[in-house]
PDB file of N, CA and C in Angstrom:
ATOM      1  N   UNK A   1      93.478 112.659  34.440  1.00  0.00           N
ATOM      2  CA  UNK A   1      92.147 112.910  34.848  1.00  0.00           C
ATOM      3  C   UNK A   1      91.987 114.340  35.008  1.00  0.00           C
ATOM      4  N   UNK A   2      91.070 114.989  34.485  1.00  0.00           N
ATOM      5  CA  UNK A   2      90.821 116.379  34.670  1.00  0.00           C
ATOM      6  C   UNK A   2      90.079 116.775  36.020  1.00  0.00           C
ATOM      7  N   UNK A   3      90.751 117.737  36.638  1.00  0.00           N
ATOM      8  CA  UNK A   3      89.951 118.115  37.881  1.00  0.00           C
ATOM      9  C   UNK A   3      88.541 118.712  37.629  1.00  0.00           C
ATOM     10  N   UNK A   4      87.814 118.579  38.644  1.00  0.00           N
ATOM     11  CA  UNK A   4      86.338 119.174  38.620  1.00  0.00           C
ATOM     12  C   UNK A   4      86.650 120.738  38.701  1.00  0.00           C
ATOM     13  N   UNK A   5      85.497 121.405  38.237  1.00  0.00           N
ATOM     14  CA  UNK A   5      85.739 122.918  38.178  1.00  0.00           C
ATOM     15  C   UNK A   5      85.924 123.693  39.457  1.00  0.00           C
ATOM     16  N   UNK A   6      85.263 123.138  40.603  1.00  0.00           N
ATOM     17  CA  UNK A   6      85.658 123.713  41.856  1.00  0.00           C
ATOM     18  C   UNK A   6      87.118 123.427  42.330  1.00  0.00           C
ATOM     19  N   UNK A   7      87.672 122.358  42.102  1.00  0.00           N
ATOM     20  CA  UNK A   7      89.143 122.117  42.402  1.00  0.00           C
ATOM     21  C   UNK A   7      89.969 123.012  41.586  1.00  0.00           C
ATOM     22  N   UNK A   8      89.576 123.160  40.332  1.00  0.00           N
ATOM     23  CA  UNK A   8      90.432 124.055  39.510  1.00  0.00           C
ATOM     24  C   UNK A   8      90.427 125.504  40.007  1.00  0.00           C
ATOM     25  N   UNK A   9      89.341 125.937  40.439  1.00  0.00           N
ATOM     26  CA  UNK A   9      89.248 127.375  40.917  1.00  0.00           C
ATOM     27  C   UNK A   9      89.992 127.408  42.305  1.00  0.00           C
ATOM     28  N   UNK A  10      89.777 126.551  43.244  1.00  0.00           N
ATOM     29  CA  UNK A  10      90.527 126.630  44.594  1.00  0.00           C
ATOM     30  C   UNK A  10      92.077 126.564  44.222  1.00  0.00           C
ATOM     31  N   UNK A  11      92.456 125.563  43.287  1.00  0.00           N
ATOM     32  CA  UNK A  11      93.909 125.431  42.987  1.00  0.00           C
ATOM     33  C   UNK A  11      94.465 126.762  42.537  1.00  0.00           C
ATOM     34  N   UNK A  12      93.680 127.332  41.572  1.00  0.00           N
ATOM     35  CA  UNK A  12      94.152 128.575  40.942  1.00  0.00           C
ATOM     36  C   UNK A  12      94.277 129.661  41.935  1.00  0.00           C
ATOM     37  N   UNK A  13      93.364 129.781  42.989  1.00  0.00           N
ATOM     38  CA  UNK A  13      93.422 130.720  43.908  1.00  0.00           C
ATOM     39  C   UNK A  13      94.328 130.433  45.143  1.00  0.00           C
ATOM     40  N   UNK A  14      94.917 129.318  44.863  1.00  0.00           N
ATOM     41  CA  UNK A  14      96.006 128.994  46.089  1.00  0.00           C
ATOM     42  C   UNK A  14      97.132 129.896  46.074  1.00  0.00           C
ATOM     43  N   UNK A  15      97.457 130.485  44.834  1.00  0.00           N
ATOM     44  CA  UNK A  15      98.622 131.375  44.740  1.00  0.00           C
ATOM     45  C   UNK A  15      98.384 132.754  45.038  1.00  0.00           C
ATOM     46  N   UNK A  16      99.146 133.347  46.041  1.00  0.00           N
ATOM     47  CA  UNK A  16      98.760 134.708  46.404  1.00  0.00           C
ATOM     48  C   UNK A  16      98.805 135.660  45.253  1.00  0.00           C
ATOM     49  N   UNK A  17      99.744 135.571  44.363  1.00  0.00           N
ATOM     50  CA  UNK A  17      99.799 136.587  43.201  1.00  0.00           C
ATOM     51  C   UNK A  17      98.521 136.467  42.396  1.00  0.00           C
ATOM     52  N   UNK A  18      97.935 135.273  42.164  1.00  0.00           N
ATOM     53  CA  UNK A  18      96.602 135.107  41.346  1.00  0.00           C
ATOM     54  C   UNK A  18      95.587 135.724  42.266  1.00  0.00           C
ATOM     55  N   UNK A  19      95.514 135.495  43.554  1.00  0.00           N
ATOM     56  CA  UNK A  19      94.407 136.080  44.380  1.00  0.00           C
ATOM     57  C   UNK A  19      94.510 137.628  44.261  1.00  0.00           C
ATOM     58  N   UNK A  20      95.726 138.096  44.233  1.00  0.00           N
ATOM     59  CA  UNK A  20      95.831 139.472  44.209  1.00  0.00           C
ATOM     60  C   UNK A  20      95.298 140.008  42.798  1.00  0.00           C
ATOM     61  N   UNK A  21      95.758 139.266  41.818  1.00  0.00           N
ATOM     62  CA  UNK A  21      95.256 139.740  40.485  1.00  0.00           C
ATOM     63  C   UNK A  21      93.580 139.754  40.266  1.00  0.00           C
ATOM     64  N   UNK A  22      92.959 138.650  40.963  1.00  0.00           N
ATOM     65  CA  UNK A  22      91.580 138.558  41.047  1.00  0.00           C
ATOM     66  C   UNK A  22      90.992 139.809  41.701  1.00  0.00           C
ATOM     67  N   UNK A  23      91.792 140.057  42.855  1.00  0.00           N
ATOM     68  CA  UNK A  23      91.220 141.279  43.648  1.00  0.00           C
ATOM     69  C   UNK A  23      91.223 142.623  42.858  1.00  0.00           C
ATOM     70  N   UNK A  24      92.453 142.708  42.031  1.00  0.00           N
ATOM     71  CA  UNK A  24      92.531 143.668  41.232  1.00  0.00           C
ATOM     72  C   UNK A  24      91.511 143.856  40.033  1.00  0.00           C
ATOM     73  N   UNK A  25      91.146 142.705  39.581  1.00  0.00           N
ATOM     74  CA  UNK A  25      90.231 142.615  38.494  1.00  0.00           C
ATOM     75  C   UNK A  25      88.745 142.928  38.935  1.00  0.00           C
ATOM     76  N   UNK A  26      88.559 142.914  40.292  1.00  0.00           N
ATOM     77  CA  UNK A  26      87.255 143.099  40.779  1.00  0.00           C
ATOM     78  C   UNK A  26      86.981 144.686  40.585  1.00  0.00           C
ATOM     79  N   UNK A  27      88.056 145.457  40.573  1.00  0.00           N
ATOM     80  CA  UNK A  27      87.979 147.003  40.315  1.00  0.00           C
ATOM     81  C   UNK A  27      87.913 147.208  38.857  1.00  0.00           C
ATOM     82  N   UNK A  28      88.482 146.630  38.022  1.00  0.00           N
ATOM     83  CA  UNK A  28      88.418 147.024  36.488  1.00  0.00           C
ATOM     84  C   UNK A  28      89.191 145.929  35.780  1.00  0.00           C
ATOM     85  N   UNK A  29      88.838 145.764  34.406  1.00  0.00           N
ATOM     86  CA  UNK A  29      89.500 144.948  33.522  1.00  0.00           C
ATOM     87  C   UNK A  29      90.952 145.455  33.441  1.00  0.00           C
ATOM     88  N   UNK A  30      91.805 144.657  33.126  1.00  0.00           N
ATOM     89  CA  UNK A  30      93.208 145.107  32.812  1.00  0.00           C
ATOM     90  C   UNK A  30      94.024 144.222  31.913  1.00  0.00           C
ATOM     91  N   UNK A  31      94.980 144.844  31.342  1.00  0.00           N
ATOM     92  CA  UNK A  31      95.953 144.090  30.384  1.00  0.00           C
ATOM     93  C   UNK A  31      96.914 143.381  31.144  1.00  0.00           C
ATOM     94  N   UNK A  32      97.669 142.511  30.532  1.00  0.00           N
ATOM     95  CA  UNK A  32      98.718 141.833  31.127  1.00  0.00           C
ATOM     96  C   UNK A  32      99.795 142.866  31.594  1.00  0.00           C
ATOM     97  N   UNK A  33     100.098 143.900  30.762  1.00  0.00           N
ATOM     98  CA  UNK A  33     101.189 144.830  31.150  1.00  0.00           C
ATOM     99  C   UNK A  33     100.555 145.525  32.476  1.00  0.00           C
ATOM    100  N   UNK A  34      99.436 145.998  32.572  1.00  0.00           N
ATOM    101  CA  UNK A  34      98.768 146.616  33.607  1.00  0.00           C
ATOM    102  C   UNK A  34      98.793 145.724  34.918  1.00  0.00           C
ATOM    103  N   UNK A  35      98.550 144.414  34.668  1.00  0.00           N
ATOM    104  CA  UNK A  35      98.575 143.482  35.924  1.00  0.00           C
ATOM    105  C   UNK A  35     100.034 143.246  36.327  1.00  0.00           C
ATOM    106  N   UNK A  36     101.039 143.360  35.532  1.00  0.00           N
ATOM    107  CA  UNK A  36     102.319 143.145  35.729  1.00  0.00           C
ATOM    108  C   UNK A  36     102.944 144.074  36.583  1.00  0.00           C
ATOM    109  N   UNK A  37     102.550 145.469  36.441  1.00  0.00           N
ATOM    110  CA  UNK A  37     103.110 146.508  37.047  1.00  0.00           C
ATOM    111  C   UNK A  37     103.571 146.374  38.530  1.00  0.00           C
ATOM    112  N   UNK A  38     102.770 145.917  39.312  1.00  0.00           N
ATOM    113  CA  UNK A  38     103.178 146.023  40.662  1.00  0.00           C
ATOM    114  C   UNK A  38     104.016 144.828  41.190  1.00  0.00           C
ATOM    115  N   UNK A  39     104.195 143.797  40.184  1.00  0.00           N
ATOM    116  CA  UNK A  39     104.980 142.559  40.728  1.00  0.00           C
ATOM    117  C   UNK A  39     106.339 142.668  40.109  1.00  0.00           C
ATOM    118  N   UNK A  40     107.237 142.024  40.730  1.00  0.00           N
ATOM    119  CA  UNK A  40     108.576 141.845  40.296  1.00  0.00           C
ATOM    120  C   UNK A  40     108.844 140.547  39.618  1.00  0.00           C
ATOM    121  N   UNK A  41     107.978 140.470  38.599  1.00  0.00           N
ATOM    122  CA  UNK A  41     108.127 139.263  37.698  1.00  0.00           C
ATOM    123  C   UNK A  41     107.864 139.679  36.190  1.00  0.00           C
ATOM    124  N   UNK A  42     108.130 138.735  35.350  1.00  0.00           N
ATOM    125  CA  UNK A  42     108.134 139.202  33.860  1.00  0.00           C
ATOM    126  C   UNK A  42     106.553 139.252  33.478  1.00  0.00           C
ATOM    127  N   UNK A  43     106.426 139.767  32.303  1.00  0.00           N
ATOM    128  CA  UNK A  43     104.981 139.801  31.716  1.00  0.00           C
ATOM    129  C   UNK A  43     104.658 138.398  31.262  1.00  0.00           C
ATOM    130  N   UNK A  44     105.644 137.638  30.904  1.00  0.00           N
ATOM    131  CA  UNK A  44     105.355 136.132  30.606  1.00  0.00           C
ATOM    132  C   UNK A  44     104.882 135.370  31.820  1.00  0.00           C
ATOM    133  N   UNK A  45     105.475 135.714  33.050  1.00  0.00           N
ATOM    134  CA  UNK A  45     104.943 134.939  34.286  1.00  0.00           C
ATOM    135  C   UNK A  45     103.504 135.495  34.495  1.00  0.00           C
ATOM    136  N   UNK A  46     103.288 136.885  34.351  1.00  0.00           N
ATOM    137  CA  UNK A  46     101.776 137.310  34.526  1.00  0.00           C
ATOM    138  C   UNK A  46     100.824 136.572  33.571  1.00  0.00           C
ATOM    139  N   UNK A  47     101.440 136.421  32.318  1.00  0.00           N
ATOM    140  CA  UNK A  47     100.540 135.561  31.310  1.00  0.00           C
ATOM    141  C   UNK A  47     100.189 134.201  31.721  1.00  0.00           C
ATOM    142  N   UNK A  48     101.275 133.551  32.405  1.00  0.00           N
ATOM    143  CA  UNK A  48     100.947 132.120  32.776  1.00  0.00           C
ATOM    144  C   UNK A  48      99.947 132.228  33.934  1.00  0.00           C
ATOM    145  N   UNK A  49     100.160 133.130  34.810  1.00  0.00           N
ATOM    146  CA  UNK A  49      99.128 133.236  35.919  1.00  0.00           C
ATOM    147  C   UNK A  49      97.703 133.455  35.380  1.00  0.00           C
ATOM    148  N   UNK A  50      97.559 134.376  34.429  1.00  0.00           N
ATOM    149  CA  UNK A  50      96.341 134.576  33.633  1.00  0.00           C
ATOM    150  C   UNK A  50      95.873 133.282  33.046  1.00  0.00           C
ATOM    151  N   UNK A  51      96.644 132.597  32.378  1.00  0.00           N
ATOM    152  CA  UNK A  51      96.145 131.283  31.855  1.00  0.00           C
ATOM    153  C   UNK A  51      95.638 130.305  32.675  1.00  0.00           C
ATOM    154  N   UNK A  52      96.228 130.262  33.992  1.00  0.00           N
ATOM    155  CA  UNK A  52      95.799 129.374  35.089  1.00  0.00           C
ATOM    156  C   UNK A  52      94.424 129.909  35.518  1.00  0.00           C
ATOM    157  N   UNK A  53      94.188 131.221  35.670  1.00  0.00           N
ATOM    158  CA  UNK A  53      92.965 131.754  36.069  1.00  0.00           C
ATOM    159  C   UNK A  53      91.916 131.402  34.971  1.00  0.00           C
ATOM    160  N   UNK A  54      92.436 131.575  33.631  1.00  0.00           N
ATOM    161  CA  UNK A  54      91.399 131.400  32.570  1.00  0.00           C
ATOM    162  C   UNK A  54      90.932 129.928  32.484  1.00  0.00           C
ATOM    163  N   UNK A  55      91.898 128.998  32.781  1.00  0.00           N
ATOM    164  CA  UNK A  55      91.593 127.555  32.703  1.00  0.00           C
ATOM    165  C   UNK A  55      90.639 127.184  33.842  1.00  0.00           C
ATOM    166  N   UNK A  56      90.619 127.965  34.897  1.00  0.00           N
ATOM    167  CA  UNK A  56      89.716 127.682  36.039  1.00  0.00           C
ATOM    168  C   UNK A  56      88.484 128.270  35.899  1.00  0.00           C
ATOM    169  N   UNK A  57      88.303 129.293  34.727  1.00  0.00           N
ATOM    170  CA  UNK A  57      87.130 129.915  34.437  1.00  0.00           C
ATOM    171  C   UNK A  57      86.939 131.332  35.165  1.00  0.00           C
ATOM    172  N   UNK A  58      88.058 131.630  35.866  1.00  0.00           N
ATOM    173  CA  UNK A  58      87.898 132.773  36.636  1.00  0.00           C
ATOM    174  C   UNK A  58      88.042 134.156  35.874  1.00  0.00           C
ATOM    175  N   UNK A  59      88.773 134.045  34.655  1.00  0.00           N
ATOM    176  CA  UNK A  59      89.041 135.300  33.768  1.00  0.00           C
ATOM    177  C   UNK A  59      88.936 134.915  32.499  1.00  0.00           C
ATOM    178  N   UNK A  60      88.477 135.864  31.582  1.00  0.00           N
ATOM    179  CA  UNK A  60      88.418 135.613  30.190  1.00  0.00           C
ATOM    180  C   UNK A  60      89.307 136.917  29.573  1.00  0.00           C
ATOM    181  N   UNK A  61      89.629 136.690  28.437  1.00  0.00           N
ATOM    182  CA  UNK A  61      90.313 137.649  27.588  1.00  0.00           C
ATOM    183  C   UNK A  61      89.464 138.195  26.457  1.00  0.00           C
ATOM    184  N   UNK A  62      89.408 139.452  26.250  1.00  0.00           N
ATOM    185  CA  UNK A  62      88.757 139.950  25.097  1.00  0.00           C
ATOM    186  C   UNK A  62      89.574 140.895  24.359  1.00  0.00           C
ATOM    187  N   UNK A  63      89.062 141.273  23.105  1.00  0.00           N
ATOM    188  CA  UNK A  63      90.006 142.102  22.226  1.00  0.00           C
ATOM    189  C   UNK A  63      89.335 143.430  22.119  1.00  0.00           C
ATOM    190  N   UNK A  64      89.951 144.520  22.447  1.00  0.00           N
ATOM    191  CA  UNK A  64      89.508 145.868  22.315  1.00  0.00           C
ATOM    192  C   UNK A  64      90.364 146.658  21.524  1.00  0.00           C
ATOM    193  N   UNK A  65      90.290 146.580  20.156  1.00  0.00           N
ATOM    194  CA  UNK A  65      91.313 147.322  19.323  1.00  0.00           C
ATOM    195  C   UNK A  65      92.677 146.623  19.488  1.00  0.00           C
ATOM    196  N   UNK A  66      93.700 147.431  20.038  1.00  0.00           N
ATOM    197  CA  UNK A  66      94.942 146.820  20.269  1.00  0.00           C
ATOM    198  C   UNK A  66      95.042 146.159  21.673  1.00  0.00           C
ATOM    199  N   UNK A  67      94.134 146.437  22.500  1.00  0.00           N
ATOM    200  CA  UNK A  67      94.135 145.765  23.911  1.00  0.00           C
ATOM    201  C   UNK A  67      93.554 144.504  23.989  1.00  0.00           C
ATOM    202  N   UNK A  68      94.068 143.691  24.973  1.00  0.00           N
ATOM    203  CA  UNK A  68      93.392 142.492  25.217  1.00  0.00           C
ATOM    204  C   UNK A  68      93.292 142.427  26.674  1.00  0.00           C
ATOM    205  N   UNK A  69      92.354 143.104  27.337  1.00  0.00           N
ATOM    206  CA  UNK A  69      92.247 143.060  28.810  1.00  0.00           C
ATOM    207  C   UNK A  69      91.655 141.722  29.320  1.00  0.00           C
ATOM    208  N   UNK A  70      91.963 141.476  30.438  1.00  0.00           N
ATOM    209  CA  UNK A  70      91.499 140.224  31.278  1.00  0.00           C
ATOM    210  C   UNK A  70      90.276 140.753  31.926  1.00  0.00           C
ATOM    211  N   UNK A  71      89.198 139.904  32.004  1.00  0.00           N
ATOM    212  CA  UNK A  71      87.864 140.269  32.620  1.00  0.00           C
ATOM    213  C   UNK A  71      87.488 139.160  33.538  1.00  0.00           C
ATOM    214  N   UNK A  72      87.214 139.632  34.851  1.00  0.00           N
ATOM    215  CA  UNK A  72      86.882 138.608  35.837  1.00  0.00           C
ATOM    216  C   UNK A  72      85.351 138.074  35.459  1.00  0.00           C
ATOM    217  N   UNK A  73      85.315 136.715  35.562  1.00  0.00           N
ATOM    218  CA  UNK A  73      84.037 135.990  35.306  1.00  0.00           C
ATOM    219  C   UNK A  73      83.495 135.705  36.786  1.00  0.00           C
ATOM    220  N   UNK A  74      82.485 136.545  37.159  1.00  0.00           N
ATOM    221  CA  UNK A  74      81.922 136.387  38.416  1.00  0.00           C
ATOM    222  C   UNK A  74      81.058 135.070  38.713  1.00  0.00           C
ATOM    223  N   UNK A  75      80.576 134.476  37.527  1.00  0.00           N
ATOM    224  CA  UNK A  75      79.808 133.358  37.763  1.00  0.00           C
ATOM    225  C   UNK A  75      80.517 132.232  38.607  1.00  0.00           C
ATOM    226  N   UNK A  76      81.840 132.101  38.380  1.00  0.00           N
ATOM    227  CA  UNK A  76      82.523 131.203  39.046  1.00  0.00           C
ATOM    228  C   UNK A  76      82.542 131.398  40.709  1.00  0.00           C
ATOM    229  N   UNK A  77      82.323 132.609  41.122  1.00  0.00           N
ATOM    230  CA  UNK A  77      82.219 132.886  42.508  1.00  0.00           C
ATOM    231  C   UNK A  77      80.949 132.176  43.085  1.00  0.00           C
ATOM    232  N   UNK A  78      79.785 132.195  42.164  1.00  0.00           N
ATOM    233  CA  UNK A  78      78.463 131.623  42.687  1.00  0.00           C
ATOM    234  C   UNK A  78      78.801 130.112  43.037  1.00  0.00           C
ATOM    235  N   UNK A  79      79.611 129.483  42.233  1.00  0.00           N
ATOM    236  CA  UNK A  79      79.984 127.984  42.463  1.00  0.00           C
ATOM    237  C   UNK A  79      80.760 127.779  43.806  1.00  0.00           C
ATOM    238  N   UNK A  80      81.771 128.706  44.051  1.00  0.00           N
ATOM    239  CA  UNK A  80      82.369 128.677  45.279  1.00  0.00           C
ATOM    240  C   UNK A  80      81.591 129.063  46.477  1.00  0.00           C
ATOM    241  N   UNK A  81      80.730 130.071  46.342  1.00  0.00           N
ATOM    242  CA  UNK A  81      79.861 130.462  47.313  1.00  0.00           C
ATOM    243  C   UNK A  81      78.941 129.368  47.722  1.00  0.00           C
ATOM    244  N   UNK A  82      78.322 128.729  46.757  1.00  0.00           N
ATOM    245  CA  UNK A  82      77.366 127.621  47.152  1.00  0.00           C
ATOM    246  C   UNK A  82      78.015 126.527  47.931  1.00  0.00           C
ATOM    247  N   UNK A  83      79.168 126.120  47.462  1.00  0.00           N
ATOM    248  CA  UNK A  83      79.881 125.121  48.146  1.00  0.00           C
ATOM    249  C   UNK A  83      80.334 125.461  49.568  1.00  0.00           C
ATOM    250  N   UNK A  84      80.820 126.660  49.724  1.00  0.00           N
ATOM    251  CA  UNK A  84      81.048 127.268  51.088  1.00  0.00           C
ATOM    252  C   UNK A  84      79.924 127.366  52.023  1.00  0.00           C
ATOM    253  N   UNK A  85      78.828 127.833  51.556  1.00  0.00           N
ATOM    254  CA  UNK A  85      77.638 128.033  52.112  1.00  0.00           C
ATOM    255  C   UNK A  85      77.062 126.743  52.673  1.00  0.00           C
ATOM    256  N   UNK A  86      77.162 125.575  51.812  1.00  0.00           N
ATOM    257  CA  UNK A  86      76.589 124.292  52.150  1.00  0.00           C
ATOM    258  C   UNK A  86      77.341 123.815  53.402  1.00  0.00           C
ATOM    259  N   UNK A  87      78.664 123.836  53.481  1.00  0.00           N
ATOM    260  CA  UNK A  87      79.500 123.368  54.712  1.00  0.00           C
ATOM    261  C   UNK A  87      79.261 124.306  55.796  1.00  0.00           C
ATOM    262  N   UNK A  88      79.127 125.632  55.500  1.00  0.00           N
ATOM    263  CA  UNK A  88      78.752 126.556  56.555  1.00  0.00           C
ATOM    264  C   UNK A  88      77.581 126.279  57.356  1.00  0.00           C
ATOM    265  N   UNK A  89      76.514 125.989  56.636  1.00  0.00           N
ATOM    266  CA  UNK A  89      75.328 125.558  57.226  1.00  0.00           C
ATOM    267  C   UNK A  89      75.493 124.448  58.009  1.00  0.00           C
ATOM    268  N   UNK A  90      76.080 123.281  57.445  1.00  0.00           N
ATOM    269  CA  UNK A  90      76.113 122.004  58.171  1.00  0.00           C
ATOM    270  C   UNK A  90      76.984 122.358  59.453  1.00  0.00           C
ATOM    271  N   UNK A  91      78.022 123.120  59.604  1.00  0.00           N
ATOM    272  CA  UNK A  91      78.712 123.454  60.684  1.00  0.00           C
ATOM    273  C   UNK A  91      77.929 124.204  61.752  1.00  0.00           C
ATOM    274  N   UNK A  92      77.068 125.080  61.270  1.00  0.00           N
ATOM    275  CA  UNK A  92      76.244 125.933  62.113  1.00  0.00           C
ATOM    276  C   UNK A  92      75.123 125.103  62.740  1.00  0.00           C
ATOM    277  N   UNK A  93      74.632 124.064  62.052  1.00  0.00           N
ATOM    278  CA  UNK A  93      73.600 123.153  62.574  1.00  0.00           C
ATOM    279  C   UNK A  93      74.259 122.411  63.570  1.00  0.00           C
ATOM    280  N   UNK A  94      75.448 121.792  63.390  1.00  0.00           N
ATOM    281  CA  UNK A  94      76.190 120.971  64.292  1.00  0.00           C
ATOM    282  C   UNK A  94      76.331 121.787  65.706  1.00  0.00           C
ATOM    283  N   UNK A  95      76.798 123.099  65.560  1.00  0.00           N
ATOM    284  CA  UNK A  95      77.069 123.826  66.638  1.00  0.00           C
ATOM    285  C   UNK A  95      75.673 124.260  67.513  1.00  0.00           C
ATOM    286  N   UNK A  96      74.694 124.448  66.620  1.00  0.00           N
ATOM    287  CA  UNK A  96      73.335 124.653  67.342  1.00  0.00           C
ATOM    288  C   UNK A  96      72.941 123.507  68.029  1.00  0.00           C
ATOM    289  N   UNK A  97      73.188 122.247  67.636  1.00  0.00           N
ATOM    290  CA  UNK A  97      72.847 121.047  68.491  1.00  0.00           C
ATOM    291  C   UNK A  97      73.610 120.952  69.650  1.00  0.00           C
ATOM    292  N   UNK A  98      74.816 121.284  69.582  1.00  0.00           N
ATOM    293  CA  UNK A  98      75.691 121.179  70.644  1.00  0.00           C
ATOM    294  C   UNK A  98      75.257 122.258  71.705  1.00  0.00           C
ATOM    295  N   UNK A  99      74.898 123.486  71.107  1.00  0.00           N
ATOM    296  CA  UNK A  99      74.402 124.499  72.100  1.00  0.00           C
ATOM    297  C   UNK A  99      73.132 124.099  72.861  1.00  0.00           C
ATOM    298  N   UNK A 100      72.264 123.295  72.060  1.00  0.00           N
ATOM    299  CA  UNK A 100      71.093 122.894  72.671  1.00  0.00           C
ATOM    300  C   UNK A 100      71.308 121.829  73.818  1.00  0.00           C
ATOM    301  N   UNK A 101      72.257 120.926  73.556  1.00  0.00           N
ATOM    302  CA  UNK A 101      72.616 119.961  74.504  1.00  0.00           C
ATOM    303  C   UNK A 101      73.275 120.694  75.800  1.00  0.00           C
ATOM    304  N   UNK A 102      74.139 121.567  75.427  1.00  0.00           N
ATOM    305  CA  UNK A 102      74.762 122.203  76.620  1.00  0.00           C
ATOM    306  C   UNK A 102      73.647 123.018  77.432  1.00  0.00           C
ATOM    307  N   UNK A 103      72.794 123.687  76.699  1.00  0.00           N
ATOM    308  CA  UNK A 103      71.627 124.435  77.520  1.00  0.00           C
ATOM    309  C   UNK A 103      70.761 123.585  78.223  1.00  0.00           C
ATOM    310  N   UNK A 104      70.588 122.405  77.913  1.00  0.00           N
ATOM    311  CA  UNK A 104      69.726 121.421  78.599  1.00  0.00           C
ATOM    312  C   UNK A 104      70.517 120.723  79.809  1.00  0.00           C
ATOM    313  N   UNK A 105      71.655 120.923  79.893  1.00  0.00           N
ATOM    314  CA  UNK A 105      72.374 120.331  81.177  1.00  0.00           C
ATOM    315  C   UNK A 105      72.107 121.239  82.228  1.00  0.00           C
ATOM    316  N   UNK A 106      72.025 120.596  83.475  1.00  0.00           N
ATOM    317  CA  UNK A 106      71.854 121.373  84.656  1.00  0.00           C
ATOM    318  C   UNK A 106      73.033 122.139  85.050  1.00  0.00           C
ATOM    319  N   UNK A 107      72.823 123.274  85.695  1.00  0.00           N
ATOM    320  CA  UNK A 107      73.997 124.196  85.906  1.00  0.00           C
ATOM    321  C   UNK A 107      74.701 123.821  87.139  1.00  0.00           C
ATOM    322  N   UNK A 108      74.148 122.947  88.064  1.00  0.00           N
ATOM    323  CA  UNK A 108      74.695 122.649  89.297  1.00  0.00           C
ATOM    324  C   UNK A 108      75.416 121.332  89.288  1.00  0.00           C
ATOM    325  N   UNK A 109      75.639 120.616  88.167  1.00  0.00           N
ATOM    326  CA  UNK A 109      76.490 119.527  88.049  1.00  0.00           C
ATOM    327  C   UNK A 109      77.926 119.706  88.128  1.00  0.00           C
ATOM    328  N   UNK A 110      78.505 118.903  89.078  1.00  0.00           N
ATOM    329  CA  UNK A 110      80.011 119.171  89.100  1.00  0.00           C
ATOM    330  C   UNK A 110      80.891 118.340  88.002  1.00  0.00           C
ATOM    331  N   UNK A 111      81.753 118.920  87.453  1.00  0.00           N
ATOM    332  CA  UNK A 111      82.492 118.220  86.361  1.00  0.00           C
ATOM    333  C   UNK A 111      83.153 116.929  87.041  1.00  0.00           C
ATOM    334  N   UNK A 112      83.286 115.916  86.242  1.00  0.00           N
ATOM    335  CA  UNK A 112      84.052 114.697  86.833  1.00  0.00           C
ATOM    336  C   UNK A 112      85.151 114.546  85.887  1.00  0.00           C
ATOM    337  N   UNK A 113      86.129 113.859  86.485  1.00  0.00           N
ATOM    338  CA  UNK A 113      87.470 113.613  85.738  1.00  0.00           C
ATOM    339  C   UNK A 113      87.044 112.474  84.740  1.00  0.00           C
ATOM    340  N   UNK A 114      87.920 112.406  83.658  1.00  0.00           N
ATOM    341  CA  UNK A 114      87.534 111.341  82.674  1.00  0.00           C
ATOM    342  C   UNK A 114      87.995 110.081  83.373  1.00  0.00           C
ATOM    343  N   UNK A 115      87.181 108.943  82.961  1.00  0.00           N
ATOM    344  CA  UNK A 115      87.526 107.771  83.357  1.00  0.00           C
ATOM    345  C   UNK A 115      88.781 107.075  82.817  1.00  0.00           C
ATOM    346  N   UNK A 116      89.561 106.401  83.668  1.00  0.00           N
ATOM    347  CA  UNK A 116      90.782 105.750  83.091  1.00  0.00           C
ATOM    348  C   UNK A 116      90.376 104.413  82.583  1.00  0.00           C
ATOM    349  N   UNK A 117      90.836 103.932  81.481  1.00  0.00           N
ATOM    350  CA  UNK A 117      90.579 102.739  81.012  1.00  0.00           C
ATOM    351  C   UNK A 117      91.121 101.645  81.882  1.00  0.00           C
ATOM    352  N   UNK A 118      90.583 100.392  82.031  1.00  0.00           N
ATOM    353  CA  UNK A 118      91.107  99.355  82.978  1.00  0.00           C
ATOM    354  C   UNK A 118      92.491  98.862  82.498  1.00  0.00           C
ATOM    355  N   UNK A 119      93.324  98.712  83.282  1.00  0.00           N
ATOM    356  CA  UNK A 119      94.859  97.999  82.936  1.00  0.00           C
ATOM    357  C   UNK A 119      94.827  96.907  82.658  1.00  0.00           C
ATOM    358  N   UNK A 120      95.201  96.443  81.580  1.00  0.00           N
ATOM    359  CA  UNK A 120      95.255  94.979  80.971  1.00  0.00           C
ATOM    360  C   UNK A 120      96.563  94.829  80.429  1.00  0.00           C
ATOM    361  N   UNK A 121      96.990  93.634  80.397  1.00  0.00           N
ATOM    362  CA  UNK A 121      98.375  93.350  79.459  1.00  0.00           C
ATOM    363  C   UNK A 121      99.028  92.343  80.068  1.00  0.00           C
ATOM    364  N   UNK A 122      99.978  91.784  79.324  1.00  0.00           N
ATOM    365  CA  UNK A 122     100.774  90.740  79.892  1.00  0.00           C
ATOM    366  C   UNK A 122     101.915  91.343  80.729  1.00  0.00           C
ATOM    367  N   UNK A 123     102.285  90.552  81.863  1.00  0.00           N
ATOM    368  CA  UNK A 123     103.326  91.019  82.546  1.00  0.00           C
ATOM    369  C   UNK A 123     102.960  92.139  83.774  1.00  0.00           C
ATOM    370  N   UNK A 124     101.666  92.097  83.911  1.00  0.00           N
ATOM    371  CA  UNK A 124     101.170  93.053  85.025  1.00  0.00           C
ATOM    372  C   UNK A 124     100.731  92.156  86.135  1.00  0.00           C
TER     373      UNK A 124
END
């Protein structure tokens, strides 16, 4: 069963090396060799990371003469942003409701200890 696009994106970004590559691609397109420079891994390993990012729709590869730079596909960030913002709004609404309840409570009420459940059971 194929994962949905959002799951593929979050799965691809779960790896810190891939997150770093995405961050570097926000600055400029880069070849596999350029992306491999700061890491202590093989060019083949970087190619595998790029394939995961490409399968998730985060990067694409183009051909420019002898170069094949990786390019960041920003549309995928819209998908992530919409998902995050939806749940952020829900959480903020929940906290607003809690704030409203707390604001409506009188200030002079003494806190009470939680009630203990009645003891029941065999042998008591």
